[in-house]
N, C-alpha and C. Protein backbone atom coordinates (compact mmCIF):
# COMPACT_ATOMS: atom_id res chain seq x y z
N UNK A 1 36.95 -81.21 24.66
CA UNK A 1 37.33 -81.14 23.27
C UNK A 1 38.82 -80.82 23.20
N UNK A 2 39.54 -81.49 22.37
CA UNK A 2 40.98 -81.27 22.27
C UNK A 2 41.27 -80.05 21.41
N UNK A 3 42.41 -79.42 21.69
CA UNK A 3 42.82 -78.25 20.92
C UNK A 3 43.40 -78.70 19.58
N UNK A 4 43.53 -77.78 18.61
CA UNK A 4 44.10 -78.15 17.32
C UNK A 4 45.50 -78.75 17.47
N UNK A 5 46.27 -78.23 18.40
CA UNK A 5 47.63 -78.73 18.59
C UNK A 5 47.64 -80.16 19.11
N UNK A 6 46.61 -80.56 19.85
CA UNK A 6 46.55 -81.92 20.39
C UNK A 6 46.08 -82.93 19.36
N UNK A 7 45.45 -82.46 18.30
CA UNK A 7 44.88 -83.37 17.31
C UNK A 7 45.84 -83.70 16.16
N UNK A 8 47.01 -83.11 16.15
CA UNK A 8 47.94 -83.37 15.06
C UNK A 8 49.23 -83.96 15.62
N UNK A 9 49.92 -84.67 14.77
CA UNK A 9 51.19 -85.25 15.16
C UNK A 9 52.28 -84.21 14.99
N UNK A 10 53.21 -84.17 15.93
CA UNK A 10 54.32 -83.23 15.83
C UNK A 10 55.12 -83.50 14.57
N UNK A 11 55.53 -82.43 13.92
CA UNK A 11 56.30 -82.55 12.69
C UNK A 11 57.79 -82.48 13.00
N UNK A 12 58.62 -83.19 12.27
CA UNK A 12 60.07 -83.14 12.50
C UNK A 12 60.60 -81.73 12.35
N UNK A 13 61.59 -81.38 13.17
CA UNK A 13 62.17 -80.05 13.15
C UNK A 13 62.76 -79.72 11.78
N UNK A 14 63.19 -80.72 11.04
CA UNK A 14 63.77 -80.48 9.72
C UNK A 14 62.79 -79.83 8.76
N UNK A 15 61.51 -79.96 9.01
CA UNK A 15 60.50 -79.39 8.11
C UNK A 15 60.27 -77.90 8.36
N UNK A 16 60.86 -77.34 9.39
CA UNK A 16 60.63 -75.94 9.73
C UNK A 16 61.07 -75.00 8.62
N UNK A 17 61.91 -75.44 7.70
CA UNK A 17 62.31 -74.59 6.60
C UNK A 17 61.21 -74.39 5.58
N UNK A 18 60.18 -75.19 5.63
CA UNK A 18 59.07 -75.12 4.69
C UNK A 18 57.86 -74.56 5.43
N UNK A 19 57.49 -73.32 5.10
CA UNK A 19 56.41 -72.65 5.83
C UNK A 19 55.34 -72.15 4.88
N UNK A 20 54.22 -71.82 5.47
CA UNK A 20 53.13 -71.16 4.73
C UNK A 20 52.53 -70.11 5.65
N UNK A 21 51.86 -69.14 5.06
CA UNK A 21 51.16 -68.10 5.82
C UNK A 21 49.67 -68.42 5.85
N UNK A 22 49.09 -68.31 7.02
CA UNK A 22 47.65 -68.39 7.18
C UNK A 22 47.19 -66.97 7.53
N UNK A 23 46.22 -66.47 6.79
CA UNK A 23 45.80 -65.09 6.92
C UNK A 23 44.34 -64.97 7.36
N UNK A 24 44.08 -64.01 8.21
CA UNK A 24 42.72 -63.58 8.52
C UNK A 24 42.74 -62.08 8.31
N UNK A 25 41.93 -61.59 7.41
CA UNK A 25 41.94 -60.17 7.05
C UNK A 25 40.60 -59.52 7.38
N UNK A 26 40.72 -58.38 8.05
CA UNK A 26 39.57 -57.50 8.30
C UNK A 26 38.40 -58.20 8.98
N UNK A 27 38.71 -58.99 10.00
CA UNK A 27 37.68 -59.62 10.82
C UNK A 27 37.11 -58.54 11.74
N UNK A 28 35.85 -58.23 11.60
CA UNK A 28 35.22 -57.20 12.41
C UNK A 28 34.22 -57.86 13.34
N UNK A 29 34.46 -57.65 14.65
CA UNK A 29 33.63 -58.28 15.67
C UNK A 29 33.26 -57.26 16.75
N UNK A 30 32.12 -57.43 17.38
CA UNK A 30 31.79 -56.58 18.52
C UNK A 30 32.62 -57.01 19.72
N UNK A 31 33.02 -56.01 20.51
CA UNK A 31 33.83 -56.34 21.69
C UNK A 31 33.50 -55.37 22.81
N UNK A 32 33.79 -55.82 24.01
CA UNK A 32 33.70 -54.96 25.18
C UNK A 32 35.13 -54.62 25.54
N UNK A 33 35.57 -53.45 25.11
CA UNK A 33 36.98 -53.08 25.25
C UNK A 33 37.10 -51.58 25.49
N UNK A 34 38.03 -51.19 26.33
CA UNK A 34 38.31 -49.79 26.56
C UNK A 34 38.44 -49.45 28.02
N UNK A 35 39.17 -48.35 28.29
CA UNK A 35 39.41 -47.93 29.67
C UNK A 35 38.45 -46.85 30.15
N UNK A 36 37.78 -46.18 29.23
CA UNK A 36 36.90 -45.09 29.62
C UNK A 36 35.53 -45.62 30.04
N UNK A 37 34.87 -44.88 30.92
CA UNK A 37 33.59 -45.35 31.48
C UNK A 37 32.56 -45.62 30.39
N UNK A 38 32.50 -44.76 29.37
CA UNK A 38 31.51 -44.99 28.30
C UNK A 38 31.83 -46.26 27.50
N UNK A 39 33.08 -46.74 27.54
CA UNK A 39 33.45 -47.96 26.83
C UNK A 39 33.15 -49.21 27.66
N UNK A 40 32.96 -49.04 28.94
CA UNK A 40 32.73 -50.19 29.82
C UNK A 40 31.27 -50.61 29.89
N UNK A 41 30.40 -49.86 29.24
CA UNK A 41 28.97 -50.14 29.34
C UNK A 41 28.35 -50.57 28.02
N UNK A 42 29.17 -50.84 27.04
CA UNK A 42 28.62 -51.26 25.75
C UNK A 42 29.69 -51.88 24.88
N UNK A 43 29.27 -52.30 23.73
CA UNK A 43 30.20 -52.91 22.79
C UNK A 43 30.64 -51.89 21.75
N UNK A 44 31.81 -52.16 21.19
CA UNK A 44 32.28 -51.40 20.04
C UNK A 44 32.97 -52.36 19.08
N UNK A 45 33.07 -51.95 17.86
CA UNK A 45 33.66 -52.83 16.85
C UNK A 45 35.19 -52.78 16.90
N UNK A 46 35.78 -53.96 16.73
CA UNK A 46 37.23 -54.05 16.54
C UNK A 46 37.47 -54.78 15.22
N UNK A 47 38.54 -54.37 14.55
CA UNK A 47 38.97 -55.06 13.33
C UNK A 47 40.27 -55.78 13.67
N UNK A 48 40.33 -57.05 13.33
CA UNK A 48 41.48 -57.89 13.65
C UNK A 48 42.06 -58.44 12.36
N UNK A 49 43.37 -58.30 12.23
CA UNK A 49 44.11 -58.88 11.11
C UNK A 49 45.20 -59.77 11.68
N UNK A 50 45.34 -60.95 11.09
CA UNK A 50 46.34 -61.92 11.55
C UNK A 50 47.16 -62.42 10.38
N UNK A 51 48.42 -62.66 10.66
CA UNK A 51 49.29 -63.37 9.72
C UNK A 51 50.08 -64.39 10.54
N UNK A 52 49.80 -65.66 10.32
CA UNK A 52 50.46 -66.74 11.04
C UNK A 52 51.46 -67.42 10.10
N UNK A 53 52.70 -67.51 10.52
CA UNK A 53 53.69 -68.29 9.78
C UNK A 53 53.67 -69.69 10.37
N UNK A 54 53.35 -70.68 9.54
CA UNK A 54 53.12 -72.03 10.01
C UNK A 54 54.05 -73.02 9.32
N UNK A 55 54.39 -74.07 10.05
CA UNK A 55 55.11 -75.19 9.45
C UNK A 55 54.17 -75.82 8.43
N UNK A 56 54.67 -75.98 7.23
CA UNK A 56 53.86 -76.60 6.19
C UNK A 56 53.97 -78.11 6.29
N UNK A 57 52.85 -78.77 6.31
CA UNK A 57 52.82 -80.24 6.35
C UNK A 57 53.45 -80.77 5.07
N UNK A 58 54.27 -81.82 5.16
CA UNK A 58 54.96 -82.31 3.96
C UNK A 58 54.02 -82.87 2.89
N UNK A 59 52.83 -83.28 3.30
CA UNK A 59 51.86 -83.82 2.34
C UNK A 59 50.46 -83.40 2.75
N UNK A 60 50.06 -82.22 2.34
CA UNK A 60 48.76 -81.70 2.74
C UNK A 60 47.64 -82.63 2.28
N UNK A 61 47.75 -83.17 1.08
CA UNK A 61 46.80 -84.15 0.55
C UNK A 61 45.34 -83.71 0.63
N UNK A 62 45.12 -82.41 0.53
CA UNK A 62 43.76 -81.89 0.56
C UNK A 62 43.01 -82.30 1.82
N UNK A 63 43.74 -82.48 2.92
CA UNK A 63 43.17 -82.89 4.21
C UNK A 63 43.16 -81.72 5.18
N UNK A 64 42.00 -81.43 5.70
CA UNK A 64 41.79 -80.32 6.65
C UNK A 64 42.70 -80.42 7.87
N UNK A 65 42.90 -81.61 8.38
CA UNK A 65 43.70 -81.78 9.60
C UNK A 65 45.18 -81.48 9.38
N UNK A 66 45.62 -81.37 8.13
CA UNK A 66 47.04 -81.13 7.84
C UNK A 66 47.39 -79.66 7.70
N UNK A 67 46.46 -78.78 8.01
CA UNK A 67 46.72 -77.34 7.92
C UNK A 67 46.20 -76.65 9.19
N UNK A 68 46.73 -75.48 9.46
CA UNK A 68 46.19 -74.65 10.53
C UNK A 68 44.90 -74.05 10.00
N UNK A 69 43.83 -74.29 10.70
CA UNK A 69 42.49 -73.94 10.23
C UNK A 69 42.12 -72.51 10.64
N UNK A 70 41.94 -71.65 9.67
CA UNK A 70 41.59 -70.26 9.98
C UNK A 70 40.24 -70.16 10.66
N UNK A 71 39.31 -71.08 10.37
CA UNK A 71 38.00 -71.05 11.03
C UNK A 71 38.15 -71.29 12.54
N UNK A 72 39.05 -72.21 12.91
CA UNK A 72 39.30 -72.46 14.34
C UNK A 72 39.99 -71.26 14.99
N UNK A 73 40.86 -70.59 14.25
CA UNK A 73 41.52 -69.39 14.77
C UNK A 73 40.46 -68.32 15.05
N UNK A 74 39.56 -68.10 14.11
CA UNK A 74 38.51 -67.10 14.28
C UNK A 74 37.59 -67.47 15.44
N UNK A 75 37.24 -68.72 15.54
CA UNK A 75 36.39 -69.15 16.65
C UNK A 75 37.08 -68.90 17.99
N UNK A 76 38.38 -69.13 18.05
CA UNK A 76 39.14 -68.84 19.27
C UNK A 76 39.09 -67.37 19.64
N UNK A 77 39.16 -66.50 18.66
CA UNK A 77 39.06 -65.06 18.90
C UNK A 77 37.67 -64.72 19.43
N UNK A 78 36.66 -65.31 18.85
CA UNK A 78 35.29 -65.08 19.35
C UNK A 78 35.17 -65.49 20.82
N UNK A 79 35.78 -66.64 21.16
CA UNK A 79 35.74 -67.09 22.56
C UNK A 79 36.46 -66.08 23.47
N UNK A 80 37.61 -65.59 23.04
CA UNK A 80 38.33 -64.59 23.85
C UNK A 80 37.46 -63.36 24.10
N UNK A 81 36.80 -62.89 23.05
CA UNK A 81 35.97 -61.70 23.19
C UNK A 81 34.74 -61.94 24.06
N UNK A 82 34.29 -63.18 24.15
CA UNK A 82 33.10 -63.49 24.95
C UNK A 82 33.43 -63.64 26.44
N UNK A 83 34.71 -63.65 26.79
CA UNK A 83 35.11 -63.87 28.19
C UNK A 83 34.89 -62.65 29.08
N UNK A 84 34.62 -61.50 28.51
CA UNK A 84 34.37 -60.33 29.33
C UNK A 84 35.16 -59.12 28.87
N UNK A 85 35.00 -58.04 29.61
CA UNK A 85 35.60 -56.76 29.26
C UNK A 85 37.13 -56.83 29.30
N UNK A 86 37.75 -56.19 28.32
CA UNK A 86 39.21 -56.05 28.26
C UNK A 86 39.49 -54.56 28.20
N UNK A 87 40.44 -54.08 28.98
CA UNK A 87 40.75 -52.65 28.99
C UNK A 87 41.48 -52.20 27.74
N UNK A 88 42.51 -52.94 27.34
CA UNK A 88 43.44 -52.45 26.32
C UNK A 88 43.45 -53.30 25.05
N UNK A 89 43.60 -52.65 23.90
CA UNK A 89 43.78 -53.40 22.65
C UNK A 89 45.09 -54.18 22.71
N UNK A 90 46.06 -53.66 23.44
CA UNK A 90 47.33 -54.37 23.61
C UNK A 90 47.12 -55.72 24.29
N UNK A 91 46.25 -55.75 25.29
CA UNK A 91 45.94 -56.99 26.00
C UNK A 91 45.25 -57.98 25.07
N UNK A 92 44.30 -57.50 24.30
CA UNK A 92 43.61 -58.38 23.36
C UNK A 92 44.59 -58.94 22.33
N UNK A 93 45.45 -58.11 21.80
CA UNK A 93 46.44 -58.58 20.82
C UNK A 93 47.34 -59.65 21.42
N UNK A 94 47.79 -59.45 22.65
CA UNK A 94 48.64 -60.44 23.32
C UNK A 94 47.91 -61.77 23.51
N UNK A 95 46.65 -61.70 23.91
CA UNK A 95 45.87 -62.92 24.13
C UNK A 95 45.65 -63.68 22.82
N UNK A 96 45.38 -62.94 21.75
CA UNK A 96 45.20 -63.58 20.45
C UNK A 96 46.51 -64.25 20.02
N UNK A 97 47.62 -63.54 20.16
CA UNK A 97 48.92 -64.10 19.77
C UNK A 97 49.23 -65.37 20.57
N UNK A 98 49.01 -65.31 21.88
CA UNK A 98 49.29 -66.48 22.73
C UNK A 98 48.41 -67.66 22.32
N UNK A 99 47.16 -67.40 22.04
CA UNK A 99 46.25 -68.47 21.62
C UNK A 99 46.73 -69.09 20.31
N UNK A 100 47.14 -68.28 19.36
CA UNK A 100 47.61 -68.80 18.08
C UNK A 100 48.87 -69.66 18.27
N UNK A 101 49.76 -69.24 19.14
CA UNK A 101 51.01 -69.96 19.36
C UNK A 101 50.82 -71.25 20.15
N UNK A 102 49.63 -71.49 20.69
CA UNK A 102 49.35 -72.78 21.35
C UNK A 102 49.42 -73.93 20.36
N UNK A 103 49.14 -73.65 19.09
CA UNK A 103 49.26 -74.67 18.05
C UNK A 103 50.74 -74.77 17.68
N UNK A 104 51.34 -75.93 17.91
CA UNK A 104 52.79 -76.08 17.71
C UNK A 104 53.23 -75.87 16.27
N UNK A 105 52.31 -75.85 15.33
CA UNK A 105 52.66 -75.60 13.93
C UNK A 105 52.84 -74.12 13.63
N UNK A 106 52.36 -73.25 14.52
CA UNK A 106 52.49 -71.81 14.32
C UNK A 106 53.84 -71.36 14.88
N UNK A 107 54.67 -70.81 14.01
CA UNK A 107 56.01 -70.37 14.39
C UNK A 107 56.02 -68.90 14.80
N UNK A 108 55.29 -68.10 14.06
CA UNK A 108 55.24 -66.65 14.29
C UNK A 108 53.82 -66.17 14.04
N UNK A 109 53.47 -65.09 14.72
CA UNK A 109 52.15 -64.50 14.49
C UNK A 109 52.27 -62.98 14.55
N UNK A 110 51.61 -62.34 13.61
CA UNK A 110 51.47 -60.89 13.60
C UNK A 110 49.99 -60.61 13.83
N UNK A 111 49.70 -59.78 14.83
CA UNK A 111 48.31 -59.47 15.20
C UNK A 111 48.13 -57.96 15.17
N UNK A 112 47.11 -57.53 14.46
CA UNK A 112 46.73 -56.12 14.47
C UNK A 112 45.31 -56.05 15.01
N UNK A 113 45.11 -55.21 16.03
CA UNK A 113 43.78 -54.98 16.61
C UNK A 113 43.51 -53.49 16.52
N UNK A 114 42.37 -53.15 15.91
CA UNK A 114 42.01 -51.75 15.75
C UNK A 114 40.58 -51.52 16.25
N UNK A 115 40.42 -50.45 17.01
CA UNK A 115 39.08 -50.01 17.41
C UNK A 115 38.58 -49.07 16.31
N UNK A 116 37.37 -49.32 15.83
CA UNK A 116 36.86 -48.60 14.68
C UNK A 116 35.99 -47.40 15.01
N UNK A 117 35.48 -47.34 16.22
CA UNK A 117 34.47 -46.33 16.55
C UNK A 117 34.94 -45.33 17.61
N UNK A 118 36.25 -45.10 17.68
CA UNK A 118 36.78 -44.27 18.75
C UNK A 118 36.93 -42.81 18.36
N UNK A 119 37.55 -42.54 17.25
CA UNK A 119 37.84 -41.16 16.85
C UNK A 119 37.20 -40.86 15.50
N UNK A 120 36.36 -39.86 15.45
CA UNK A 120 35.71 -39.54 14.18
C UNK A 120 36.70 -39.12 13.09
N UNK A 121 37.86 -38.60 13.49
CA UNK A 121 38.85 -38.13 12.52
C UNK A 121 39.70 -39.27 11.94
N UNK A 122 39.62 -40.45 12.54
CA UNK A 122 40.44 -41.59 12.10
C UNK A 122 39.54 -42.79 11.81
N UNK A 123 39.90 -43.53 10.78
CA UNK A 123 39.11 -44.73 10.47
C UNK A 123 39.33 -45.82 11.52
N UNK A 124 40.49 -45.78 12.19
CA UNK A 124 40.77 -46.79 13.22
C UNK A 124 41.96 -46.33 14.06
N UNK A 125 42.02 -46.86 15.28
CA UNK A 125 43.20 -46.71 16.15
C UNK A 125 43.49 -48.07 16.75
N UNK A 126 44.76 -48.38 16.96
CA UNK A 126 45.05 -49.69 17.52
C UNK A 126 46.52 -50.00 17.59
N UNK A 127 46.82 -51.28 17.64
CA UNK A 127 48.20 -51.75 17.77
C UNK A 127 48.44 -52.93 16.85
N UNK A 128 49.72 -53.16 16.58
CA UNK A 128 50.15 -54.36 15.86
C UNK A 128 51.35 -54.93 16.60
N UNK A 129 51.30 -56.23 16.87
CA UNK A 129 52.40 -56.89 17.56
C UNK A 129 52.85 -58.11 16.74
N UNK A 130 54.07 -58.53 16.96
CA UNK A 130 54.58 -59.76 16.39
C UNK A 130 55.14 -60.59 17.53
N UNK A 131 54.79 -61.87 17.53
CA UNK A 131 55.31 -62.78 18.54
C UNK A 131 55.85 -64.02 17.84
N UNK A 132 56.86 -64.61 18.44
CA UNK A 132 57.56 -65.74 17.83
C UNK A 132 57.64 -66.90 18.81
N UNK A 133 57.54 -68.09 18.27
CA UNK A 133 57.70 -69.29 19.10
C UNK A 133 59.12 -69.29 19.64
N UNK A 134 59.26 -69.52 20.94
CA UNK A 134 60.57 -69.51 21.58
C UNK A 134 61.33 -70.78 21.22
N UNK A 135 60.68 -71.92 21.32
CA UNK A 135 61.35 -73.21 21.05
C UNK A 135 61.06 -73.67 19.64
N UNK A 136 61.88 -73.27 18.72
CA UNK A 136 61.69 -73.66 17.32
C UNK A 136 62.37 -74.97 17.14
C-alpha cells in the first residue's frame, strides 16, 4: 500500500506561502510505554495532540486526496503504538513527528504526548516537541 505522500502530486514551491493547520486533539490511546518495571508489563493511557502545518492545495475541490487526512495520521499513530514497548514519551513524540513529516505536504508538526495514569497529583505528565521540514 502506498503512503499518503506517494499518492499525491508534488506541489510547486511557490504554494508554500499558503498553508493550513490539520489538528488532532486529545487522542487517547492505550500504549506500552515507560521505563519502570511496572510500566513494562501492562498498558497505560497516553493523550496525543498534534498540530500539522501543511501546504494548502490550490484547489481542494472537496476532494479527500487534496488534503492531509487526519484519519490516516491517527491510524499511523495506532500502528506506531502496536509495534511494541517504548521507554520514553520523548521517543514516541519523535516517531510521531517523523511519521507526519513523511508526507511532503507537512511543513511543520507540533506533537504533545502525555501519560495520564502516572501521578495521582497531576492530570498528565509528558512532552511537547516541534519539528520542521528541512527542505522547504
